[in-house]
């Protein structure tokens, strides 16, 4: 079946994005570990520790948020593609039933059907 949107291509791209997000989550976890370790090393320097944690901690949390939202988008996209395919299948089945009951080509209006 031919679609105006190619679902297999969209799903393939979504899978690659999901893998990239998985990789990003691993890197985000490593970043969080490094931030926590450095923050611990700065325990004796309270102003420096607070400033570092404010900047680096916020960035580490942002990376986790990107992963979380990205995964939500990929999940929504997959759902939309599956709904699109199901609706297209329903439309094709309905069109076939209507065509069988009342042909779209009416020779009395359009003349003989070309061969």
Protein backbone atom coordinates (compact mmCIF):
# COMPACT_ATOMS: atom_id res chain seq x y z
CA UNK A 1 0.00 0.00 0.00
CA UNK A 2 1.26 3.50 -0.78
CA UNK A 3 0.94 6.29 1.78
CA UNK A 4 1.44 10.03 1.41
CA UNK A 5 3.58 9.61 4.52
CA UNK A 6 5.87 6.57 4.64
CA UNK A 7 5.20 5.04 8.09
CA UNK A 8 8.15 2.64 7.89
CA UNK A 9 10.54 5.54 7.32
CA UNK A 10 9.05 7.50 10.23
CA UNK A 11 9.26 4.48 12.53
CA UNK A 12 12.87 3.90 11.41
CA UNK A 13 13.79 7.49 12.20
CA UNK A 14 11.98 7.28 15.53
CA UNK A 15 13.97 4.14 16.40
CA UNK A 16 17.23 5.93 15.65
CA UNK A 17 16.13 8.88 17.78
CA UNK A 18 15.22 6.48 20.60
CA UNK A 19 18.68 4.90 20.44
CA UNK A 20 20.27 8.36 20.51
CA UNK A 21 18.15 9.24 23.54
CA UNK A 22 19.26 6.03 25.28
CA UNK A 23 22.87 7.03 24.61
CA UNK A 24 22.16 10.53 25.87
CA UNK A 25 20.66 9.10 29.08
CA UNK A 26 23.86 7.12 29.71
CA UNK A 27 25.93 10.26 29.19
CA UNK A 28 23.54 12.24 31.38
CA UNK A 29 23.97 9.71 34.18
CA UNK A 30 27.76 9.95 33.81
CA UNK A 31 27.50 13.75 33.90
CA UNK A 32 25.36 13.59 37.03
CA UNK A 33 27.96 11.32 38.68
CA UNK A 34 30.80 13.66 37.75
CA UNK A 35 28.89 16.71 39.01
CA UNK A 36 28.13 14.97 42.31
CA UNK A 37 31.77 13.87 42.71
CA UNK A 38 33.13 17.34 42.02
CA UNK A 39 30.51 18.90 44.24
CA UNK A 40 31.63 16.55 47.02
CA UNK A 41 35.25 17.53 46.44
CA UNK A 42 34.30 21.18 46.87
CA UNK A 43 32.71 20.58 50.29
CA UNK A 44 35.23 22.78 52.06
CA UNK A 45 34.61 25.69 49.69
CA UNK A 46 30.93 26.45 50.23
CA UNK A 47 30.60 29.47 47.89
CA UNK A 48 32.43 27.64 45.06
CA UNK A 49 30.43 24.46 45.67
CA UNK A 50 27.11 26.33 45.58
CA UNK A 51 28.02 28.20 42.41
CA UNK A 52 29.29 25.04 40.71
CA UNK A 53 26.24 23.03 41.74
CA UNK A 54 23.88 25.75 40.54
CA UNK A 55 25.43 25.84 37.06
CA UNK A 56 26.47 22.22 36.52
CA UNK A 57 23.60 20.64 38.45
CA UNK A 58 21.03 22.53 36.43
CA UNK A 59 22.69 21.39 33.18
CA UNK A 60 22.71 17.76 34.30
CA UNK A 61 19.02 17.96 35.18
CA UNK A 62 18.29 19.64 31.85
CA UNK A 63 19.90 16.73 30.00
CA UNK A 64 17.63 14.29 31.85
CA UNK A 65 14.63 16.43 30.95
CA UNK A 66 15.59 16.38 27.28
CA UNK A 67 15.72 12.58 27.36
CA UNK A 68 12.39 12.32 29.16
CA UNK A 69 10.59 14.66 26.77
CA UNK A 70 12.28 13.13 23.75
CA UNK A 71 11.07 9.68 24.75
CA UNK A 72 7.55 11.03 25.22
CA UNK A 73 7.64 12.54 21.72
CA UNK A 74 8.87 9.26 20.18
CA UNK A 75 6.11 7.34 21.98
CA UNK A 76 3.47 9.81 20.76
CA UNK A 77 4.85 9.65 17.22
CA UNK A 78 4.64 5.85 17.19
CA UNK A 79 1.03 6.03 18.40
CA UNK A 80 0.16 8.57 15.70
CA UNK A 81 1.72 6.42 12.97
CA UNK A 82 -0.16 3.32 14.15
CA UNK A 83 -3.42 5.29 14.25
CA UNK A 84 -2.71 6.64 10.76
CA UNK A 85 -2.15 3.14 9.38
CA UNK A 86 -5.29 1.79 11.05
CA UNK A 87 -7.38 4.70 9.72
CA UNK A 88 -5.95 4.22 6.23
CA UNK A 89 -6.79 0.49 6.36
CA UNK A 90 -10.34 1.33 7.49
CA UNK A 91 -10.70 3.87 4.69
CA UNK A 92 -9.48 1.34 2.12
CA UNK A 93 -11.91 -1.29 3.38
CA UNK A 94 -14.81 1.19 3.36
CA UNK A 95 -13.91 2.41 -0.13
CA UNK A 96 -13.79 -1.18 -1.40
CA UNK A 97 -17.22 -1.92 0.07
CA UNK A 98 -18.72 1.25 -1.41
CA UNK A 99 -17.09 0.61 -4.80
CA UNK A 100 -18.54 -2.90 -4.86
CA UNK A 101 -22.01 -1.62 -3.97
CA UNK A 102 -22.04 1.47 -6.19
CA UNK A 103 -19.20 1.73 -8.71
CA UNK A 104 -17.57 5.15 -8.89
CA UNK A 105 -17.34 4.94 -12.66
CA UNK A 106 -20.81 5.54 -14.08
CA UNK A 107 -20.83 4.82 -17.84
CA UNK A 108 -24.07 6.77 -18.26
CA UNK A 109 -22.25 9.93 -17.15
CA UNK A 110 -18.75 9.36 -18.49
CA UNK A 111 -19.18 7.05 -21.47
CA UNK A 112 -17.46 3.73 -21.88
CA UNK A 113 -14.64 2.83 -19.50
CA UNK A 114 -11.27 3.03 -21.29
CA UNK A 115 -9.44 -0.26 -21.69
